[in-house]
Amino acid sequence: MSLAVLFAIFFFLVILGTPISICLGASTFVTLMFFTDISPIEISAMIFEKVHHYSLMAIPMFIFAGNLLSKGSAAQRIIEFAKSCVGHLPGGLPISAIFASIIFAAVSGSSPATVVAIGSIMFGAIMQAGYPKKYAIGTIATSGSLGILIPPSIVLIVYGVTAEVSIGKLFMAGVVPGLMLGIMLMTVTYIGARRLGFEKTEPQPMKIRLAKMKDASWGLFTIVLVIGGIYGGIFTPTEAAAVACVWAFIVSVFIYKDIKLSKIYITALESAKTTAMIMFIIANAMLFAHFLTIENIPHMITEALVEANVNKYMFLLMVNLLLILAGSFMEPSAIIMIMVPLLLPVAVALGIDPIHFGILITVNMELGMVSPPVGLNLFVTSGLTGMSIKDVIVAAFPWTMTILVGLILITYIPDISLFLPNLMYGH
């Protein structure tokens, strides 16, 4: 009865268009009040307890670091470096946008931030080079989604906290799938440009490439600091986020000198708003998942699937379909908080590695970012370009299908995700 009430309230609020965080919190609060002996004070204490986790401290710091670099000239310099490397190919500018997104994703850890930072600069440039508007939009909307897979990734941090697995291993597991998807997106872009009649041009001399790389090096060094520091054993992912903050501040204010000290407050305020939104979703989603655990739902699902003789390949297909559907309606952090406690015990029982499972879920979230009706990247791209959501969805379709193919490969070839973690940490 309590579960029926929980889901009835939840879906009723969703249909009304209520923000997902409120749907999760309100439905759980009402159910706990009427069907358990837990008092409102205990519920509020539970919410704070759920977000009182050391690893979650990395989220606001990575957001702040990404905002500092995206509002300064770091993104522009990274784009210029990307253009010097691949700009001469057919589809060179759109390919540069994807290449720059891969690099910036390793700096910001955020998908919407990557879309804004790269898209706001590259959209006009791609258009001016004679590419169709839909072509420019498709590459920007989908390549920005790499921000939640390539480390440091906020979504991987949330999964690591929820699943209680090593965030360092998850970061390393995201590298190969992230690069693979990036290369696949660039390949589709290249083929499309050839079909549109774009020809290869003269590549820039190595001297210019090195100069562009040097110009972008201060921003690029953020990647070395974060990733190198974590895997060199110098600091934890949370400490790496703090170092990234300090470094982004030094680069933007004192080296590139494109953010004045007076603007830091505004950047910090925007970062705080984004953090508050994410943390509020996480807190309510954790409370929702906690109630499901109290009701023993994860164990019941595990037993039912094991008794039904569902093999791991069929289970993975079911998970992908469920997550693609959920990703079309909900924010990634909320999905992870709700689904992981339900699905991970089944995955482990079927012999699926939790690290591989985390990457699979994250790629699904990546697909959800560009899937209607509420894919966040679709709205960000629409706001940047002035095109309707419908036109953005159509424009992004070829690249969205490319991510879907990548998801299938990552789902059924675990070594794509596990190769680097196994190499560094052992089996």
Protein backbone atom coordinates (compact mmCIF):
# COMPACT_ATOMS: atom_id res chain seq x y z
CA MET A 1 0.00 0.00 0.00
CA SER A 2 2.76 2.44 0.97
CA LEU A 3 4.59 1.83 -2.33
CA ALA A 4 1.40 2.42 -4.31
CA VAL A 5 0.90 5.76 -2.52
CA LEU A 6 4.57 6.70 -3.05
CA PHE A 7 4.48 6.14 -6.81
CA ALA A 8 0.97 7.56 -7.20
CA ILE A 9 2.04 10.87 -5.63
CA PHE A 10 5.34 10.86 -7.54
CA PHE A 11 3.80 10.35 -10.99
CA PHE A 12 0.92 12.74 -10.25
CA LEU A 13 3.44 15.50 -9.48
CA VAL A 14 5.50 14.59 -12.57
CA ILE A 15 2.39 14.89 -14.78
CA LEU A 16 1.71 18.33 -13.24
CA GLY A 17 5.18 19.42 -14.35
CA THR A 18 6.59 19.73 -10.83
CA PRO A 19 10.43 19.85 -10.64
CA ILE A 20 11.79 16.33 -10.23
CA SER A 21 13.46 17.13 -6.89
CA ILE A 22 10.11 18.20 -5.40
CA CYS A 23 8.40 15.09 -6.86
CA LEU A 24 10.93 12.84 -5.14
CA GLY A 25 10.98 14.70 -1.83
CA ALA A 26 7.23 15.33 -1.48
CA SER A 27 6.17 11.78 -2.39
CA THR A 28 8.67 10.26 0.05
CA PHE A 29 7.86 12.74 2.84
CA VAL A 30 4.10 12.08 2.66
CA THR A 31 4.60 8.31 2.52
CA LEU A 32 7.03 8.30 5.46
CA MET A 33 4.63 10.46 7.49
CA PHE A 34 1.57 8.27 6.96
CA PHE A 35 3.08 4.78 6.78
CA THR A 36 6.00 4.88 9.23
CA ASP A 37 6.70 6.15 12.75
CA ILE A 38 9.42 8.53 11.49
CA SER A 39 8.80 12.15 12.57
CA PRO A 40 9.31 15.23 10.32
CA ILE A 41 12.41 16.17 12.36
CA GLU A 42 13.89 12.71 11.73
CA ILE A 43 13.12 13.04 8.00
CA SER A 44 14.94 16.37 7.78
CA ALA A 45 17.88 14.86 9.69
CA MET A 46 17.91 11.94 7.21
CA ILE A 47 18.09 14.38 4.27
CA PHE A 48 21.14 16.12 5.71
CA GLU A 49 22.72 12.79 6.60
CA LYS A 50 22.32 11.54 3.03
CA VAL A 51 24.30 14.45 1.53
CA HIS A 52 26.88 14.50 4.31
CA HIS A 53 29.45 12.64 2.24
CA TYR A 54 33.09 13.63 1.71
CA SER A 55 33.14 12.74 -2.01
CA LEU A 56 30.13 14.98 -2.75
CA MET A 57 32.25 17.98 -1.74
CA ALA A 58 33.97 17.64 -5.12
CA ILE A 59 30.80 18.67 -6.97
CA PRO A 60 30.68 22.41 -6.08
CA MET A 61 34.42 22.76 -6.59
CA PHE A 62 34.44 21.18 -10.05
CA ILE A 63 31.44 23.34 -11.01
CA PHE A 64 33.23 26.49 -9.84
CA ALA A 65 36.46 25.53 -11.64
CA GLY A 66 34.54 24.84 -14.86
CA ASN A 67 32.70 28.17 -14.62
CA LEU A 68 35.92 30.11 -14.08
CA LEU A 69 37.53 28.57 -17.15
CA SER A 70 34.42 28.78 -19.37
CA LYS A 71 33.78 32.46 -18.57
CA GLY A 72 37.39 33.35 -19.29
CA SER A 73 39.36 32.78 -22.47
CA ALA A 74 40.44 29.21 -21.63
CA ALA A 75 37.64 27.72 -23.76
CA GLN A 76 38.55 29.98 -26.71
CA ARG A 77 42.22 28.98 -26.49
CA ILE A 78 41.33 25.28 -26.31
CA ILE A 79 39.16 25.70 -29.41
CA GLU A 80 41.99 27.41 -31.31
CA PHE A 81 44.30 24.54 -30.39
CA ALA A 82 41.69 21.98 -31.54
CA LYS A 83 41.22 23.84 -34.86
CA SER A 84 44.98 23.83 -35.49
CA CYS A 85 45.01 20.03 -35.04
CA VAL A 86 41.95 18.92 -37.05
CA GLY A 87 40.58 22.06 -38.72
CA HIS A 88 42.05 21.12 -42.11
CA LEU A 89 39.93 17.95 -42.45
CA PRO A 90 36.58 17.87 -44.28
CA GLY A 91 34.20 18.94 -41.52
CA GLY A 92 37.19 20.46 -39.77
CA LEU A 93 35.32 23.09 -37.75
CA PRO A 94 32.57 20.76 -36.47
CA ILE A 95 35.26 18.14 -35.74
CA SER A 96 37.20 20.85 -33.88
CA ALA A 97 34.09 21.53 -31.80
CA ILE A 98 33.93 17.84 -30.83
CA PHE A 99 37.67 17.68 -30.14
CA ALA A 100 37.46 20.85 -28.03
CA SER A 101 34.46 19.37 -26.17
CA ILE A 102 36.52 16.30 -25.27
CA ILE A 103 39.29 18.51 -23.89
CA PHE A 104 36.94 20.88 -22.08
CA ALA A 105 34.99 17.96 -20.61
CA ALA A 106 38.22 16.90 -18.92
CA VAL A 107 38.39 20.39 -17.40
CA SER A 108 34.79 21.08 -16.37
CA GLY A 109 33.14 17.70 -15.61
CA SER A 110 29.79 19.14 -16.70
CA SER A 111 27.82 18.48 -19.87
CA PRO A 112 25.78 21.74 -20.03
CA ALA A 113 28.92 23.76 -19.20
CA THR A 114 30.72 22.09 -22.12
CA VAL A 115 27.85 22.87 -24.49
CA VAL A 116 27.78 26.53 -23.42
CA ALA A 117 31.56 27.04 -23.42
CA ILE A 118 32.23 25.39 -26.79
CA GLY A 119 28.87 25.96 -28.50
CA SER A 120 28.68 29.70 -27.85
CA ILE A 121 31.99 30.16 -29.66
CA MET A 122 31.84 27.48 -32.34
CA PHE A 123 28.23 27.74 -33.54
CA GLY A 124 28.75 31.04 -35.37
CA ALA A 125 32.14 29.94 -36.74
CA ILE A 126 30.72 26.71 -38.18
CA MET A 127 27.86 28.64 -39.79
CA GLN A 128 30.23 31.21 -41.30
CA ALA A 129 32.28 28.40 -42.84
CA GLY A 130 29.23 27.43 -44.92
CA TYR A 131 27.93 24.41 -43.00
CA PRO A 132 24.15 23.92 -42.75
CA LYS A 133 22.66 25.24 -39.50
CA LYS A 134 21.39 21.80 -38.51
CA TYR A 135 24.88 20.37 -39.00
CA ALA A 136 26.38 22.92 -36.61
CA ILE A 137 23.68 22.32 -34.01
CA GLY A 138 23.91 18.51 -34.17
CA THR A 139 27.64 18.42 -33.43
CA ILE A 140 27.47 20.95 -30.58
CA ALA A 141 24.46 19.40 -28.78
CA THR A 142 25.81 15.85 -28.81
CA SER A 143 29.54 16.43 -28.30
CA GLY A 144 28.78 18.46 -25.18
CA SER A 145 27.25 15.35 -23.62
CA LEU A 146 30.77 13.89 -23.32
CA GLY A 147 31.15 16.17 -20.29
CA ILE A 148 29.44 13.66 -17.99
CA LEU A 149 31.62 10.70 -19.05
CA ILE A 150 35.18 11.95 -19.45
CA PRO A 151 36.79 12.49 -16.03
CA PRO A 152 36.47 14.45 -13.85
CA SER A 153 32.72 13.77 -14.11
CA ILE A 154 30.12 14.97 -11.61
CA VAL A 155 27.81 12.10 -12.62
CA LEU A 156 30.55 9.52 -11.95
CA ILE A 157 31.11 11.08 -8.51
CA VAL A 158 27.40 10.70 -7.72
CA TYR A 159 27.45 7.07 -8.91
CA GLY A 160 30.58 6.33 -6.88
CA VAL A 161 28.97 7.70 -3.72
CA THR A 162 25.71 5.81 -4.33
CA ALA A 163 27.30 2.48 -5.30
CA GLU A 164 30.14 2.83 -2.76
CA VAL A 165 32.84 2.12 -5.34
CA SER A 166 36.16 3.84 -6.03
CA ILE A 167 35.69 7.18 -7.78
CA GLY A 168 39.30 6.96 -8.94
CA LYS A 169 38.53 3.67 -10.74
CA LEU A 170 35.37 5.17 -12.24
CA PHE A 171 37.31 8.17 -13.55
CA MET A 172 39.85 5.87 -15.17
CA ALA A 173 37.06 3.68 -16.59
CA GLY A 174 35.49 6.71 -18.30
CA VAL A 175 38.58 7.58 -20.34
CA VAL A 176 38.46 4.93 -23.10
CA PRO A 177 34.64 5.00 -23.59
CA GLY A 178 34.75 8.82 -23.65
CA LEU A 179 37.50 8.93 -26.26
CA MET A 180 35.82 6.15 -28.27
CA LEU A 181 32.52 8.04 -28.40
CA GLY A 182 34.36 11.24 -29.30
CA ILE A 183 36.14 9.53 -32.20
CA MET A 184 32.85 7.99 -33.37
CA LEU A 185 31.17 11.41 -33.35
CA MET A 186 34.11 12.91 -35.26
CA THR A 187 33.96 10.09 -37.81
CA VAL A 188 30.25 10.66 -38.48
CA THR A 189 30.95 14.39 -38.80
CA TYR A 190 33.79 13.71 -41.27
CA ILE A 191 31.65 11.40 -43.42
CA GLY A 192 28.77 13.91 -43.40
CA ALA A 193 31.09 16.75 -44.46
CA ARG A 194 32.47 14.69 -47.33
CA ARG A 195 28.92 13.99 -48.52
CA LEU A 196 28.18 17.73 -48.37
CA GLY A 197 31.15 18.37 -50.65
CA PHE A 198 33.67 19.82 -48.19
CA GLU A 199 37.28 19.15 -49.13
CA LYS A 200 40.46 18.75 -47.15
CA THR A 201 42.56 21.91 -46.85
CA GLU A 202 46.22 22.49 -46.04
CA PRO A 203 47.04 21.56 -42.44
CA GLN A 204 48.58 24.25 -40.29
CA PRO A 205 52.36 24.06 -39.86
CA MET A 206 53.64 22.31 -36.75
CA LYS A 207 55.07 25.63 -35.57
CA ILE A 208 51.57 27.16 -35.39
CA ARG A 209 50.12 24.06 -33.73
CA LEU A 210 52.78 24.21 -31.03
CA ALA A 211 52.13 27.93 -30.56
CA LYS A 212 48.38 27.29 -30.16
CA MET A 213 49.09 24.48 -27.72
CA LYS A 214 51.40 26.75 -25.73
CA ASP A 215 48.70 29.44 -25.68
CA ALA A 216 46.17 26.94 -24.31
CA SER A 217 48.66 25.16 -22.04
CA TRP A 218 47.65 26.89 -18.80
CA GLY A 219 44.06 25.72 -19.25
CA LEU A 220 45.14 22.28 -20.48
CA PHE A 221 47.36 21.87 -17.42
CA THR A 222 44.16 21.61 -15.34
CA ILE A 223 43.69 18.13 -16.83
CA VAL A 224 47.25 17.13 -15.86
CA LEU A 225 46.75 18.47 -12.34
CA VAL A 226 43.45 16.69 -11.76
CA ILE A 227 43.98 13.36 -13.51
CA GLY A 228 47.73 13.15 -12.87
CA GLY A 229 47.29 14.11 -9.22
CA ILE A 230 44.63 11.46 -8.59
CA TYR A 231 46.45 8.59 -10.28
CA GLY A 232 49.84 9.71 -9.04
CA GLY A 233 48.48 9.17 -5.55
CA ILE A 234 49.05 12.84 -4.64
CA PHE A 235 45.42 13.57 -3.72
CA THR A 236 41.90 12.16 -3.70
CA PRO A 237 39.23 13.17 -6.28
CA THR A 238 37.76 15.62 -3.74
CA GLU A 239 41.15 17.18 -3.08
CA ALA A 240 41.71 17.27 -6.84
CA ALA A 241 38.54 19.34 -7.18
CA ALA A 242 39.89 21.86 -4.64
CA VAL A 243 43.20 22.04 -6.52
CA ALA A 244 41.30 22.54 -9.81
CA CYS A 245 39.41 25.46 -8.21
CA VAL A 246 42.58 27.20 -7.07
CA TRP A 247 44.32 26.57 -10.38
CA ALA A 248 41.34 27.80 -12.46
CA PHE A 249 41.26 30.95 -10.30
CA ILE A 250 44.99 31.61 -10.83
CA VAL A 251 44.75 30.94 -14.59
CA SER A 252 41.65 33.09 -15.18
CA VAL A 253 42.53 36.03 -12.90
CA PHE A 254 46.32 36.27 -12.90
CA ILE A 255 47.63 34.45 -16.03
CA TYR A 256 45.02 35.02 -18.74
CA LYS A 257 43.69 38.08 -16.83
CA ASP A 258 40.24 37.80 -18.43
CA ILE A 259 38.17 37.64 -15.22
CA LYS A 260 38.40 40.60 -12.86
CA LEU A 261 38.34 39.99 -9.14
CA SER A 262 35.06 41.90 -8.96
CA LYS A 263 33.45 39.25 -11.24
CA ILE A 264 34.49 36.33 -9.03
CA TYR A 265 31.50 36.89 -6.76
CA ILE A 266 29.05 36.56 -9.69
CA THR A 267 30.80 33.38 -10.91
CA ALA A 268 30.75 31.93 -7.39
CA LEU A 269 27.06 32.80 -7.02
CA GLU A 270 26.19 31.06 -10.32
CA SER A 271 28.20 28.02 -9.24
CA ALA A 272 26.41 28.00 -5.88
CA LYS A 273 23.01 28.05 -7.61
CA THR A 274 23.98 25.10 -9.83
CA THR A 275 25.39 23.24 -6.82
CA ALA A 276 22.25 23.89 -4.76
CA MET A 277 20.08 22.51 -7.56
CA ILE A 278 22.18 19.34 -7.90
CA MET A 279 22.51 18.76 -4.15
CA PHE A 280 18.77 19.29 -3.60
CA ILE A 281 18.04 16.66 -6.25
CA ILE A 282 20.60 14.29 -4.70
CA ALA A 283 19.18 14.73 -1.18
CA ASN A 284 15.59 14.05 -2.23
CA ALA A 285 16.58 11.18 -4.52
CA MET A 286 18.58 9.58 -1.71
CA LEU A 287 15.57 9.86 0.60
CA PHE A 288 13.37 8.27 -2.10
CA ALA A 289 15.88 5.43 -2.57
CA HIS A 290 16.16 5.00 1.22
CA PHE A 291 12.42 4.36 1.46
CA LEU A 292 12.61 1.77 -1.33
CA THR A 293 15.41 0.06 0.60
CA ILE A 294 13.33 0.09 3.82
CA GLU A 295 10.58 -1.67 1.87
CA ASN A 296 13.15 -4.26 0.72
CA ILE A 297 12.44 -3.53 -2.95
CA PRO A 298 16.04 -4.09 -4.24
CA HIS A 299 16.11 -7.57 -2.69
CA MET A 300 12.68 -8.42 -4.11
CA ILE A 301 13.71 -7.31 -7.62
CA THR A 302 16.95 -9.30 -7.40
CA GLU A 303 15.15 -12.46 -6.31
CA ALA A 304 12.45 -12.10 -8.98
CA LEU A 305 14.96 -11.68 -11.82
CA VAL A 306 17.22 -14.48 -10.60
CA GLU A 307 14.24 -16.85 -10.25
CA ALA A 308 13.06 -15.87 -13.73
CA ASN A 309 16.48 -17.03 -15.06
CA VAL A 310 17.17 -13.65 -16.68
CA ASN A 311 20.77 -13.80 -17.95
CA LYS A 312 23.07 -10.81 -17.72
CA TYR A 313 22.77 -9.96 -21.42
CA MET A 314 18.99 -9.73 -21.23
CA PHE A 315 19.29 -7.81 -17.95
CA LEU A 316 21.66 -5.28 -19.53
CA LEU A 317 19.23 -4.78 -22.42
CA MET A 318 16.40 -4.20 -19.93
CA VAL A 319 18.55 -1.73 -17.97
CA ASN A 320 19.44 0.22 -21.12
CA LEU A 321 15.80 0.49 -22.20
CA LEU A 322 14.75 1.57 -18.70
CA LEU A 323 17.53 4.16 -18.38
CA ILE A 324 17.02 5.62 -21.86
CA LEU A 325 13.35 6.10 -20.97
CA ALA A 326 14.19 7.58 -17.55
CA GLY A 327 16.94 9.76 -19.04
CA SER A 328 14.41 11.35 -21.36
CA PHE A 329 12.42 12.67 -18.38
CA MET A 330 14.75 13.02 -15.40
CA GLU A 331 18.04 14.61 -14.34
CA PRO A 332 21.06 12.20 -14.26
CA SER A 333 21.81 12.56 -10.54
CA ALA A 334 18.21 11.70 -9.61
CA ILE A 335 18.17 8.65 -11.89
CA ILE A 336 21.40 7.33 -10.40
CA MET A 337 20.24 7.83 -6.82
CA ILE A 338 16.97 6.00 -7.49
CA MET A 339 18.02 3.27 -9.94
CA VAL A 340 21.44 2.22 -8.63
CA PRO A 341 20.19 0.87 -5.25
CA LEU A 342 17.55 -1.09 -7.18
CA LEU A 343 19.63 -2.37 -10.10
CA LEU A 344 23.18 -2.76 -8.76
CA PRO A 345 22.42 -5.75 -6.46
CA VAL A 346 20.93 -7.58 -9.46
CA ALA A 347 23.92 -6.64 -11.63
CA VAL A 348 26.38 -7.93 -9.01
CA ALA A 349 24.34 -11.14 -8.59
CA LEU A 350 24.61 -11.71 -12.34
CA GLY A 351 28.39 -11.16 -12.32
CA ILE A 352 28.46 -7.64 -13.79
CA ASP A 353 31.34 -5.47 -12.56
CA PRO A 354 30.06 -2.40 -10.62
CA ILE A 355 32.62 -0.17 -12.41
CA HIS A 356 31.45 -1.33 -15.84
CA PHE A 357 27.85 -0.89 -14.69
CA GLY A 358 28.62 2.70 -13.65
CA ILE A 359 30.01 3.59 -17.08
CA LEU A 360 27.02 1.93 -18.77
CA ILE A 361 24.64 4.04 -16.67
CA THR A 362 26.61 7.21 -17.39
CA VAL A 363 26.52 6.64 -21.17
CA ASN A 364 22.76 6.17 -20.84
CA MET A 365 22.61 9.52 -19.04
CA GLU A 366 24.66 10.98 -21.89
CA LEU A 367 22.05 9.72 -24.34
CA GLY A 368 19.32 11.14 -22.11
CA MET A 369 20.97 14.58 -22.35
CA VAL A 370 20.09 14.69 -26.06
CA SER A 371 16.81 12.75 -25.98
CA PRO A 372 13.34 14.35 -26.04
CA PRO A 373 11.27 15.54 -24.31
CA VAL A 374 13.48 17.04 -21.58
CA GLY A 375 17.10 16.37 -22.62
CA LEU A 376 19.00 19.22 -20.93
CA ASN A 377 21.50 19.69 -23.76
CA LEU A 378 18.63 20.15 -26.22
CA PHE A 379 17.35 23.12 -24.21
CA VAL A 380 20.83 24.60 -23.75
CA THR A 381 21.52 24.30 -27.50
CA SER A 382 18.11 25.73 -28.33
CA GLY A 383 18.83 28.72 -26.10
CA LEU A 384 22.25 29.24 -27.70
CA THR A 385 21.09 29.00 -31.32
CA GLY A 386 17.52 30.28 -31.23
CA MET A 387 16.19 27.14 -32.92
CA SER A 388 13.13 25.29 -31.63
CA ILE A 389 13.54 22.14 -29.54
CA LYS A 390 11.98 20.11 -32.36
CA ASP A 391 14.55 21.37 -34.90
CA VAL A 392 17.42 20.69 -32.45
CA ILE A 393 16.18 17.11 -31.93
CA VAL A 394 16.05 16.50 -35.70
CA ALA A 395 19.48 18.12 -36.22
CA ALA A 396 21.09 16.02 -33.49
CA PHE A 397 19.58 12.70 -34.66
CA PRO A 398 22.59 11.26 -36.61
CA TRP A 399 24.95 11.95 -33.72
CA THR A 400 22.43 10.70 -31.14
CA MET A 401 22.26 7.40 -33.04
CA THR A 402 26.07 7.29 -32.98
CA ILE A 403 26.03 7.53 -29.17
CA LEU A 404 23.42 4.73 -29.13
CA VAL A 405 25.76 2.48 -31.15
CA GLY A 406 28.55 3.36 -28.72
CA LEU A 407 26.28 2.45 -25.80
CA ILE A 408 25.65 -1.01 -27.29
CA LEU A 409 29.41 -1.60 -27.69
CA ILE A 410 30.15 -0.41 -24.14
CA THR A 411 27.30 -2.52 -22.74
CA TYR A 412 28.38 -5.84 -24.24
CA ILE A 413 32.18 -5.37 -24.35
CA PRO A 414 33.08 -4.70 -20.69
CA ASP A 415 36.80 -4.42 -21.45
CA ILE A 416 36.19 -1.05 -23.12
CA SER A 417 35.41 0.30 -19.65
CA LEU A 418 37.56 -2.02 -17.53
CA PHE A 419 40.82 -2.08 -19.51
CA LEU A 420 42.42 0.97 -17.87
CA PRO A 421 41.16 0.35 -14.30
CA ASN A 422 42.38 -3.26 -14.46
CA LEU A 423 45.69 -2.11 -15.89
CA MET A 424 46.24 0.44 -13.12
CA TYR A 425 44.61 -1.23 -10.15
CA GLY A 426 44.65 -4.91 -11.12
CA HIS A 427 41.59 -7.19 -11.25
